[in-house]
Amino acid sequence: MPIRNQHIAAYSFLQGLYEDDYYPDHVVDRAKMILLRLCEHIEAHSPADLSTLYTLAQAATEEFNDLEAEFEAAGSEIETVARDEIAKDFWFVACSYGFTNADVEELIATREW
């Protein structure tokens, strides 16, 4: 499903991770796909409230939890820089779909990183 939201379609997800050699591109690519799938879910289900958005975002966060092992296997990890970059992009997604009052910590509340 192509992304309809033009802000999302034009955005470079996880750009800071791509620019840092510490994070392997093939794993960052998988992380980017998690965020794009989140956008697809938001567009497909049109969450009417923050609670529904949080549920979708937290499911995506759990996918990031599963991705941690791949970062580690590639000699990297989801540490402070990556956490901040990922959280920033979850916030961008929420705002791009009109949820400017979303709490970023609640968006990623299920994180294990």
N, C-alpha and C. Protein backbone atom coordinates (compact mmCIF):
# COMPACT_ATOMS: atom_id res chain seq x y z
N MET A 1 0.84 -1.18 0.00
CA MET A 1 0.00 0.00 0.00
C MET A 1 0.89 1.25 0.00
N PRO A 2 0.79 2.07 -1.00
CA PRO A 2 1.61 3.29 -1.03
C PRO A 2 1.13 4.29 0.03
N ILE A 3 2.08 5.00 0.60
CA ILE A 3 1.78 6.01 1.62
C ILE A 3 1.12 7.20 0.93
N ARG A 4 -0.01 7.63 1.46
CA ARG A 4 -0.74 8.77 0.90
C ARG A 4 -0.31 10.10 1.53
N ASN A 5 0.11 10.08 2.79
CA ASN A 5 0.50 11.29 3.49
C ASN A 5 1.80 11.81 2.88
N GLN A 6 1.75 13.00 2.30
CA GLN A 6 2.90 13.55 1.59
C GLN A 6 4.07 13.88 2.51
N HIS A 7 3.78 14.27 3.76
CA HIS A 7 4.87 14.54 4.72
C HIS A 7 5.66 13.26 4.98
N ILE A 8 4.94 12.16 5.13
CA ILE A 8 5.58 10.87 5.38
C ILE A 8 6.33 10.41 4.13
N ALA A 9 5.69 10.50 2.98
CA ALA A 9 6.29 10.03 1.73
C ALA A 9 7.61 10.74 1.42
N ALA A 10 7.71 12.01 1.81
CA ALA A 10 8.91 12.79 1.51
C ALA A 10 9.97 12.71 2.61
N TYR A 11 9.65 12.10 3.72
CA TYR A 11 10.52 12.09 4.89
C TYR A 11 11.59 11.01 4.80
N SER A 12 12.78 11.31 5.28
CA SER A 12 13.88 10.34 5.33
C SER A 12 13.96 9.76 6.74
N PHE A 13 13.29 8.63 6.94
CA PHE A 13 13.28 7.99 8.24
C PHE A 13 14.68 7.54 8.65
N LEU A 14 14.97 7.70 9.94
CA LEU A 14 16.19 7.22 10.58
C LEU A 14 17.46 7.74 9.90
N GLN A 15 17.38 8.94 9.37
CA GLN A 15 18.49 9.51 8.62
C GLN A 15 19.78 9.55 9.44
N GLY A 16 19.67 9.89 10.71
CA GLY A 16 20.87 9.93 11.56
C GLY A 16 21.55 8.58 11.69
N LEU A 17 20.79 7.51 11.65
CA LEU A 17 21.38 6.18 11.74
C LEU A 17 22.05 5.80 10.42
N TYR A 18 21.45 6.19 9.32
CA TYR A 18 22.07 5.92 8.02
C TYR A 18 23.39 6.68 7.87
N GLU A 19 23.49 7.84 8.48
CA GLU A 19 24.69 8.67 8.35
C GLU A 19 25.82 8.21 9.26
N ASP A 20 25.56 7.31 10.18
CA ASP A 20 26.55 6.84 11.15
C ASP A 20 26.92 5.40 10.83
N ASP A 21 28.19 5.16 10.54
CA ASP A 21 28.65 3.82 10.17
C ASP A 21 28.46 2.78 11.27
N TYR A 22 28.22 3.21 12.49
CA TYR A 22 28.01 2.26 13.59
C TYR A 22 26.76 1.42 13.38
N TYR A 23 25.80 1.98 12.65
CA TYR A 23 24.53 1.29 12.41
C TYR A 23 24.53 0.70 11.00
N PRO A 24 24.49 -0.62 10.89
CA PRO A 24 24.52 -1.24 9.56
C PRO A 24 23.26 -0.95 8.76
N ASP A 25 23.46 -0.51 7.53
CA ASP A 25 22.33 -0.10 6.69
C ASP A 25 21.28 -1.19 6.53
N HIS A 26 21.70 -2.44 6.41
CA HIS A 26 20.71 -3.50 6.19
C HIS A 26 19.78 -3.67 7.39
N VAL A 27 20.27 -3.37 8.58
CA VAL A 27 19.41 -3.45 9.77
C VAL A 27 18.57 -2.18 9.88
N VAL A 28 19.17 -1.04 9.57
CA VAL A 28 18.42 0.22 9.59
C VAL A 28 17.30 0.17 8.54
N ASP A 29 17.57 -0.47 7.41
CA ASP A 29 16.51 -0.65 6.40
C ASP A 29 15.31 -1.38 7.00
N ARG A 30 15.57 -2.41 7.78
CA ARG A 30 14.47 -3.16 8.41
C ARG A 30 13.74 -2.29 9.42
N ALA A 31 14.48 -1.46 10.15
CA ALA A 31 13.86 -0.55 11.11
C ALA A 31 12.98 0.47 10.39
N LYS A 32 13.47 0.98 9.30
CA LYS A 32 12.70 1.94 8.50
C LYS A 32 11.39 1.30 8.02
N MET A 33 11.45 0.03 7.64
CA MET A 33 10.25 -0.67 7.18
C MET A 33 9.22 -0.80 8.30
N ILE A 34 9.67 -0.94 9.53
CA ILE A 34 8.75 -0.99 10.67
C ILE A 34 7.98 0.32 10.75
N LEU A 35 8.68 1.43 10.61
CA LEU A 35 8.02 2.74 10.69
C LEU A 35 7.07 2.94 9.51
N LEU A 36 7.47 2.50 8.34
CA LEU A 36 6.58 2.63 7.18
C LEU A 36 5.34 1.75 7.32
N ARG A 37 5.50 0.56 7.88
CA ARG A 37 4.33 -0.29 8.14
C ARG A 37 3.40 0.36 9.16
N LEU A 38 3.98 1.03 10.15
CA LEU A 38 3.16 1.77 11.11
C LEU A 38 2.33 2.81 10.38
N CYS A 39 2.95 3.54 9.47
CA CYS A 39 2.22 4.55 8.69
C CYS A 39 1.11 3.90 7.86
N GLU A 40 1.41 2.77 7.26
CA GLU A 40 0.39 2.07 6.49
C GLU A 40 -0.79 1.66 7.37
N HIS A 41 -0.48 1.17 8.57
CA HIS A 41 -1.55 0.78 9.51
C HIS A 41 -2.39 1.99 9.91
N ILE A 42 -1.72 3.11 10.16
CA ILE A 42 -2.45 4.33 10.53
C ILE A 42 -3.37 4.74 9.38
N GLU A 43 -2.86 4.71 8.17
CA GLU A 43 -3.69 5.10 7.03
C GLU A 43 -4.82 4.11 6.77
N ALA A 44 -4.57 2.84 7.01
CA ALA A 44 -5.60 1.82 6.77
C ALA A 44 -6.69 1.83 7.83
N HIS A 45 -6.32 2.14 9.08
CA HIS A 45 -7.27 2.04 10.19
C HIS A 45 -7.75 3.38 10.72
N SER A 46 -7.15 4.47 10.28
CA SER A 46 -7.55 5.83 10.69
C SER A 46 -7.91 5.91 12.18
N PRO A 47 -6.91 5.77 13.05
CA PRO A 47 -7.21 5.83 14.48
C PRO A 47 -7.92 7.13 14.85
N ALA A 48 -8.99 7.00 15.60
CA ALA A 48 -9.80 8.16 15.96
C ALA A 48 -9.31 8.85 17.22
N ASP A 49 -8.47 8.17 17.98
CA ASP A 49 -8.04 8.76 19.25
C ASP A 49 -6.61 8.32 19.57
N LEU A 50 -6.05 8.96 20.59
CA LEU A 50 -4.68 8.66 20.99
C LEU A 50 -4.51 7.22 21.46
N SER A 51 -5.50 6.70 22.14
CA SER A 51 -5.41 5.34 22.64
C SER A 51 -5.18 4.34 21.50
N THR A 52 -5.90 4.51 20.43
CA THR A 52 -5.74 3.62 19.27
C THR A 52 -4.38 3.84 18.61
N LEU A 53 -3.96 5.08 18.50
CA LEU A 53 -2.63 5.37 17.95
C LEU A 53 -1.55 4.72 18.81
N TYR A 54 -1.67 4.85 20.13
CA TYR A 54 -0.69 4.24 21.03
C TYR A 54 -0.63 2.73 20.82
N THR A 55 -1.75 2.10 20.64
CA THR A 55 -1.77 0.65 20.41
C THR A 55 -0.99 0.30 19.15
N LEU A 56 -1.22 1.03 18.08
CA LEU A 56 -0.50 0.79 16.82
C LEU A 56 0.99 1.06 16.98
N ALA A 57 1.33 2.16 17.62
CA ALA A 57 2.74 2.53 17.79
C ALA A 57 3.47 1.54 18.70
N GLN A 58 2.80 1.08 19.73
CA GLN A 58 3.44 0.14 20.64
C GLN A 58 3.66 -1.22 19.99
N ALA A 59 2.78 -1.62 19.08
CA ALA A 59 3.01 -2.85 18.31
C ALA A 59 4.26 -2.70 17.44
N ALA A 60 4.43 -1.52 16.83
CA ALA A 60 5.62 -1.26 16.03
C ALA A 60 6.87 -1.24 16.92
N THR A 61 6.73 -0.70 18.12
CA THR A 61 7.84 -0.67 19.07
C THR A 61 8.28 -2.09 19.41
N GLU A 62 7.34 -2.98 19.55
CA GLU A 62 7.68 -4.38 19.83
C GLU A 62 8.46 -5.00 18.68
N GLU A 63 8.19 -4.57 17.47
CA GLU A 63 8.99 -5.03 16.33
C GLU A 63 10.43 -4.53 16.46
N PHE A 64 10.60 -3.31 16.95
CA PHE A 64 11.95 -2.80 17.20
C PHE A 64 12.63 -3.64 18.28
N ASN A 65 11.87 -4.05 19.30
CA ASN A 65 12.44 -4.92 20.33
C ASN A 65 13.04 -6.17 19.70
N ASP A 66 12.30 -6.77 18.77
CA ASP A 66 12.77 -7.97 18.09
C ASP A 66 13.98 -7.70 17.21
N LEU A 67 14.10 -6.48 16.73
CA LEU A 67 15.20 -6.11 15.83
C LEU A 67 16.51 -5.90 16.60
N GLU A 68 16.44 -5.71 17.89
CA GLU A 68 17.64 -5.46 18.71
C GLU A 68 18.69 -6.56 18.50
N ALA A 69 18.27 -7.80 18.42
CA ALA A 69 19.21 -8.91 18.24
C ALA A 69 19.96 -8.78 16.91
N GLU A 70 19.29 -8.29 15.89
CA GLU A 70 19.95 -8.11 14.59
C GLU A 70 20.99 -6.99 14.65
N PHE A 71 20.67 -5.92 15.37
CA PHE A 71 21.67 -4.87 15.57
C PHE A 71 22.89 -5.45 16.26
N GLU A 72 22.67 -6.21 17.33
CA GLU A 72 23.78 -6.79 18.09
C GLU A 72 24.59 -7.76 17.25
N ALA A 73 23.93 -8.58 16.45
CA ALA A 73 24.63 -9.54 15.59
C ALA A 73 25.51 -8.82 14.57
N ALA A 74 25.15 -7.61 14.22
CA ALA A 74 25.91 -6.82 13.24
C ALA A 74 26.93 -5.91 13.93
N GLY A 75 27.12 -6.10 15.24
CA GLY A 75 28.12 -5.30 15.96
C GLY A 75 27.63 -3.93 16.37
N SER A 76 26.35 -3.76 16.49
CA SER A 76 25.75 -2.48 16.84
C SER A 76 24.73 -2.73 17.95
N GLU A 77 23.99 -1.71 18.31
CA GLU A 77 22.92 -1.85 19.28
C GLU A 77 22.02 -0.62 19.22
N ILE A 78 20.85 -0.76 19.80
CA ILE A 78 19.96 0.40 19.93
C ILE A 78 20.33 1.06 21.24
N GLU A 79 21.21 2.04 21.15
CA GLU A 79 21.69 2.77 22.32
C GLU A 79 21.16 4.20 22.25
N THR A 80 21.73 5.10 23.01
CA THR A 80 21.17 6.44 23.19
C THR A 80 20.89 7.16 21.87
N VAL A 81 21.85 7.21 20.98
CA VAL A 81 21.65 7.92 19.71
C VAL A 81 20.51 7.28 18.93
N ALA A 82 20.52 5.96 18.84
CA ALA A 82 19.47 5.26 18.09
C ALA A 82 18.12 5.45 18.76
N ARG A 83 18.07 5.36 20.09
CA ARG A 83 16.80 5.56 20.82
C ARG A 83 16.20 6.92 20.49
N ASP A 84 17.05 7.94 20.54
CA ASP A 84 16.57 9.29 20.27
C ASP A 84 16.07 9.43 18.83
N GLU A 85 16.79 8.84 17.89
CA GLU A 85 16.41 8.92 16.47
C GLU A 85 15.09 8.18 16.24
N ILE A 86 14.96 7.01 16.82
CA ILE A 86 13.73 6.23 16.67
C ILE A 86 12.55 6.97 17.30
N ALA A 87 12.74 7.47 18.51
CA ALA A 87 11.67 8.20 19.20
C ALA A 87 11.25 9.44 18.39
N LYS A 88 12.24 10.14 17.85
CA LYS A 88 11.95 11.34 17.03
C LYS A 88 11.07 10.97 15.84
N ASP A 89 11.36 9.83 15.23
CA ASP A 89 10.58 9.44 14.06
C ASP A 89 9.19 8.94 14.43
N PHE A 90 9.03 8.30 15.58
CA PHE A 90 7.69 7.96 16.05
C PHE A 90 6.89 9.24 16.29
N TRP A 91 7.53 10.24 16.87
CA TRP A 91 6.87 11.53 17.11
C TRP A 91 6.48 12.18 15.78
N PHE A 92 7.39 12.14 14.80
CA PHE A 92 7.10 12.70 13.48
C PHE A 92 5.88 12.02 12.86
N VAL A 93 5.81 10.71 12.97
CA VAL A 93 4.67 9.97 12.43
C VAL A 93 3.38 10.44 13.11
N ALA A 94 3.38 10.49 14.43
CA ALA A 94 2.18 10.92 15.16
C ALA A 94 1.74 12.31 14.71
N CYS A 95 2.68 13.23 14.66
CA CYS A 95 2.35 14.61 14.26
C CYS A 95 1.87 14.69 12.82
N SER A 96 2.47 13.91 11.95
CA SER A 96 2.10 13.93 10.54
C SER A 96 0.68 13.45 10.30
N TYR A 97 0.17 12.66 11.23
CA TYR A 97 -1.21 12.18 11.12
C TYR A 97 -2.16 12.92 12.06
N GLY A 98 -1.71 14.10 12.54
CA GLY A 98 -2.58 14.98 13.30
C GLY A 98 -2.62 14.77 14.80
N PHE A 99 -1.75 13.90 15.32
CA PHE A 99 -1.74 13.64 16.75
C PHE A 99 -0.60 14.42 17.42
N THR A 100 -0.68 15.73 17.33
CA THR A 100 0.38 16.58 17.86
C THR A 100 0.44 16.57 19.38
N ASN A 101 -0.59 16.09 20.03
CA ASN A 101 -0.59 16.01 21.49
C ASN A 101 -0.16 14.64 22.00
N ALA A 102 0.34 13.79 21.12
CA ALA A 102 0.81 12.46 21.53
C ALA A 102 2.04 12.58 22.42
N ASP A 103 2.13 11.69 23.38
CA ASP A 103 3.27 11.61 24.28
C ASP A 103 4.25 10.60 23.69
N VAL A 104 5.44 11.05 23.33
CA VAL A 104 6.40 10.17 22.67
C VAL A 104 6.75 8.98 23.55
N GLU A 105 6.81 9.18 24.85
CA GLU A 105 7.12 8.05 25.74
C GLU A 105 6.00 7.01 25.73
N GLU A 106 4.79 7.45 25.55
CA GLU A 106 3.67 6.52 25.46
C GLU A 106 3.67 5.81 24.10
N LEU A 107 4.08 6.50 23.06
CA LEU A 107 4.17 5.88 21.74
C LEU A 107 5.10 4.67 21.77
N ILE A 108 6.21 4.79 22.50
CA ILE A 108 7.22 3.73 22.54
C ILE A 108 7.28 3.06 23.91
N ALA A 109 6.16 3.06 24.62
CA ALA A 109 6.13 2.56 26.00
C ALA A 109 6.53 1.10 26.12
N THR A 110 6.36 0.30 25.07
CA THR A 110 6.68 -1.12 25.15
C THR A 110 8.13 -1.42 24.78
N ARG A 111 8.94 -0.39 24.67
CA ARG A 111 10.33 -0.62 24.25
C ARG A 111 11.13 -1.35 25.32
N GLU A 112 12.08 -2.12 24.85
CA GLU A 112 13.02 -2.83 25.73
C GLU A 112 14.45 -2.34 25.49
N TRP A 113 14.60 -1.23 24.82
CA TRP A 113 15.91 -0.70 24.48
C TRP A 113 16.07 0.67 25.10
